[in-house]
Protein backbone atom coordinates (compact mmCIF):
# COMPACT_ATOMS: atom_id res chain seq x y z
CA MET A 1 -8.67 18.45 -45.12
CA ALA A 2 -11.09 16.66 -42.80
CA ASP A 3 -14.01 18.41 -41.17
CA VAL A 4 -13.98 17.93 -37.42
CA ASP A 5 -16.72 19.48 -35.28
CA ALA A 6 -17.88 19.38 -31.65
CA SER A 7 -19.25 15.82 -32.00
CA SER A 8 -15.79 14.72 -33.22
CA GLY A 9 -17.11 13.69 -36.61
CA LEU A 10 -14.96 13.10 -39.64
CA ASP A 11 -16.32 13.72 -43.15
CA PHE A 12 -15.08 11.91 -46.23
CA ARG A 13 -16.17 13.46 -49.51
CA HIS A 14 -15.32 13.54 -53.19
CA SER A 15 -12.37 15.70 -54.12
CA PRO A 16 -12.88 17.48 -57.47
CA ARG A 17 -9.14 18.13 -57.65
CA ARG A 18 -8.30 14.43 -57.28
CA ARG A 19 -10.95 13.55 -59.87
CA ARG A 20 -9.54 16.05 -62.38
CA LEU A 21 -6.03 14.72 -61.80
CA ALA A 22 -7.21 11.13 -62.34
CA MET A 23 -9.02 12.13 -65.54
CA LEU A 24 -5.94 13.99 -66.81
CA LEU A 25 -3.77 10.93 -66.15
CA ALA A 26 -6.29 8.68 -67.94
CA VAL A 27 -6.33 10.97 -71.00
CA LEU A 28 -2.52 11.12 -71.05
CA ALA A 29 -2.30 7.32 -70.79
CA ALA A 30 -4.83 6.92 -73.62
CA ALA A 31 -2.87 9.37 -75.78
CA ALA A 32 0.35 7.47 -75.10
CA LEU A 33 -1.33 4.18 -76.05
CA LEU A 34 -2.71 5.78 -79.21
CA ALA A 35 0.74 7.07 -80.17
CA PHE A 36 2.34 3.71 -79.42
CA TYR A 37 -0.25 1.85 -81.52
CA THR A 38 0.10 4.22 -84.47
CA VAL A 39 3.90 3.84 -84.48
CA VAL A 40 3.98 0.06 -84.01
CA PHE A 41 1.29 -0.74 -86.59
CA ASP A 42 2.04 2.18 -88.93
CA GLU A 43 -1.55 3.40 -89.00
CA ALA A 44 -3.03 6.92 -89.09
CA TRP A 45 -3.89 8.21 -85.60
CA TRP A 46 -7.44 9.15 -86.56
CA LYS A 47 -8.14 5.60 -87.80
CA VAL A 48 -6.96 4.18 -84.49
CA LEU A 49 -9.08 6.73 -82.63
CA LEU A 50 -12.15 5.73 -84.67
CA ARG A 51 -11.46 2.05 -84.01
CA PHE A 52 -10.98 2.26 -80.25
CA GLY A 53 -12.85 5.47 -79.38
CA MET A 54 -16.25 3.77 -79.38
CA LEU A 55 -14.96 1.09 -77.01
CA GLY A 56 -13.73 3.77 -74.60
CA ALA A 57 -17.07 5.59 -74.77
CA ILE A 58 -19.00 2.37 -74.03
CA ILE A 59 -16.78 1.64 -71.03
CA ALA A 60 -17.24 5.20 -69.71
CA VAL A 61 -21.05 5.10 -70.06
CA THR A 62 -21.31 1.65 -68.48
CA THR A 63 -19.13 2.64 -65.54
CA ASN A 64 -21.14 5.83 -65.01
CA TRP A 65 -24.41 3.85 -65.01
CA GLN A 66 -23.05 1.36 -62.47
CA LEU A 67 -21.88 4.13 -60.15
CA ARG A 68 -25.39 5.56 -59.89
CA HIS A 69 -26.77 2.40 -58.27
CA GLN A 70 -24.37 2.13 -55.34
CA PRO A 71 -24.01 3.93 -52.04
CA ARG A 72 -21.58 6.78 -52.39
CA LEU A 73 -19.76 9.56 -50.62
CA PRO A 74 -20.10 11.67 -48.55
CA LEU A 75 -19.38 9.39 -45.63
CA ARG A 76 -19.40 10.60 -42.02
CA LEU A 77 -17.85 8.95 -38.98
CA THR A 78 -18.83 10.12 -35.50
CA ASP A 79 -17.96 8.60 -32.13
CA GLU A 80 -21.31 6.78 -32.03
CA THR A 81 -22.38 6.28 -35.65
CA LEU A 82 -21.34 5.60 -39.23
CA HIS A 83 -23.39 7.63 -41.74
CA LEU A 84 -23.56 6.49 -45.39
CA SER A 85 -25.23 8.19 -48.33
CA GLY A 86 -27.42 5.91 -50.40
CA PRO A 87 -28.00 5.76 -54.14
CA SER A 88 -31.23 7.75 -53.92
CA GLY A 89 -29.73 10.45 -51.69
CA THR A 90 -31.00 8.89 -48.46
CA THR A 91 -28.74 8.59 -45.44
CA LEU A 92 -28.24 5.34 -43.54
CA SER A 93 -26.92 5.48 -39.98
CA ILE A 94 -25.36 2.45 -38.33
CA ASP A 95 -24.20 2.51 -34.71
CA TRP A 96 -20.66 1.21 -34.23
CA VAL A 97 -21.90 -1.54 -31.89
CA ASN A 98 -24.14 -2.73 -34.76
CA VAL A 99 -21.31 -3.03 -37.31
CA ALA A 100 -20.28 -6.66 -37.91
CA SER A 101 -17.44 -5.59 -40.22
CA ALA A 102 -16.23 -2.52 -42.05
CA GLN A 103 -13.19 -2.81 -44.30
CA VAL A 104 -11.52 -0.76 -46.99
CA ARG A 105 -10.69 -3.12 -49.86
CA GLY A 106 -8.56 -2.46 -52.91
CA ARG A 107 -5.86 0.05 -53.72
CA LEU A 108 -6.57 1.07 -57.31
CA ASP A 109 -10.37 0.89 -56.94
CA PRO A 110 -10.94 1.37 -53.20
CA ARG A 111 -14.27 0.41 -51.67
CA LEU A 112 -15.66 0.43 -48.16
CA VAL A 113 -17.53 -2.81 -47.41
CA VAL A 114 -19.87 -2.60 -44.40
CA VAL A 115 -22.01 -5.39 -42.95
CA PRO A 116 -24.42 -4.55 -40.09
CA LEU A 117 -25.07 -7.09 -37.33
CA ASP A 118 -28.81 -6.38 -37.26
CA PRO A 119 -30.16 -4.57 -40.35
CA GLN A 120 -33.36 -3.69 -38.50
CA GLN A 121 -31.35 -1.59 -36.00
CA THR A 122 -30.04 0.76 -38.67
CA ARG A 123 -31.73 4.12 -39.22
CA PRO A 124 -33.82 3.74 -41.34
CA PRO A 125 -34.13 -0.08 -41.11
CA MET A 126 -32.59 -1.82 -44.12
CA ARG A 127 -34.54 -4.12 -46.42
CA ALA A 128 -32.85 -7.16 -47.95
CA GLY A 129 -31.09 -6.19 -51.18
CA GLN A 130 -31.88 -2.50 -50.73
CA TRP A 131 -28.30 -1.31 -51.26
CA SER A 132 -26.52 -4.50 -52.21
CA THR A 133 -25.03 -5.18 -55.61
CA ARG A 134 -24.93 -8.40 -57.58
CA GLY A 135 -22.68 -11.02 -56.04
CA ARG A 136 -22.89 -9.51 -52.54
CA GLY A 137 -24.85 -10.48 -49.46
CA PRO A 138 -28.37 -8.99 -49.07
CA TYR A 139 -27.24 -6.59 -46.32
CA GLU A 140 -23.69 -5.91 -47.47
CA LEU A 141 -23.02 -2.26 -48.30
CA VAL A 142 -20.29 -1.36 -50.78
CA VAL A 143 -19.28 2.30 -50.96
CA ARG A 144 -16.93 3.40 -53.75
CA LEU A 145 -14.17 5.64 -52.45
CA ASP A 146 -12.89 7.03 -55.74
CA TRP A 147 -11.34 10.50 -55.49
CA MET A 148 -11.98 10.71 -51.74
CA THR A 149 -10.53 13.27 -49.40
CA PRO A 150 -9.04 12.60 -46.87
CA ASP A 151 -7.44 9.44 -48.24
CA THR A 152 -8.21 5.75 -47.67
CA ASP A 153 -5.36 5.36 -45.18
CA THR A 154 -7.09 7.89 -42.91
CA LEU A 155 -10.35 5.97 -43.26
CA ARG A 156 -8.60 2.69 -42.37
CA ARG A 157 -7.10 4.27 -39.23
CA GLU A 158 -10.44 5.75 -38.17
CA LEU A 159 -12.27 2.46 -38.71
CA ALA A 160 -9.66 0.60 -36.64
CA ARG A 161 -10.04 3.19 -33.87
CA ARG A 162 -13.85 3.26 -33.85
CA LEU A 163 -14.84 -0.35 -34.48
CA PRO A 164 -15.57 -2.37 -31.35
CA THR A 165 -13.00 -5.06 -30.62
CA THR A 166 -14.14 -8.55 -29.74
């Protein structure tokens, strides 16, 4: 469940159980596709595995490499501040009054997108492009929320409660 302490902070972290469940479902789906392909095209299963196994390995390695270069969990919300963990293990703190927008986007591949009002007021001050990814603004932070506990609905509620209204 969520960790709540005296400063009324809420921690979002990776859930190994959710990750294992997602991996099990992916393996079962791949096995079902393999079985379907072998039946429809009347081909030996090991030939199909040789044909498409390399493609699956390339996708897995590429995805793993991309995940290393983005901010990631754990994520901590307190009454005053949003704390994000960066790609190099550093922590970025943004006061709620300094958050221009913070939204959870996507259902299958959820991401938290945060844009600070003044990047120089974050702790430590952000440099342009420091945590951004290709196709994003220079100060836009994108945090992958894969296998997060508590869930994204809880994060959406907490963001709505803590973000200043204009």
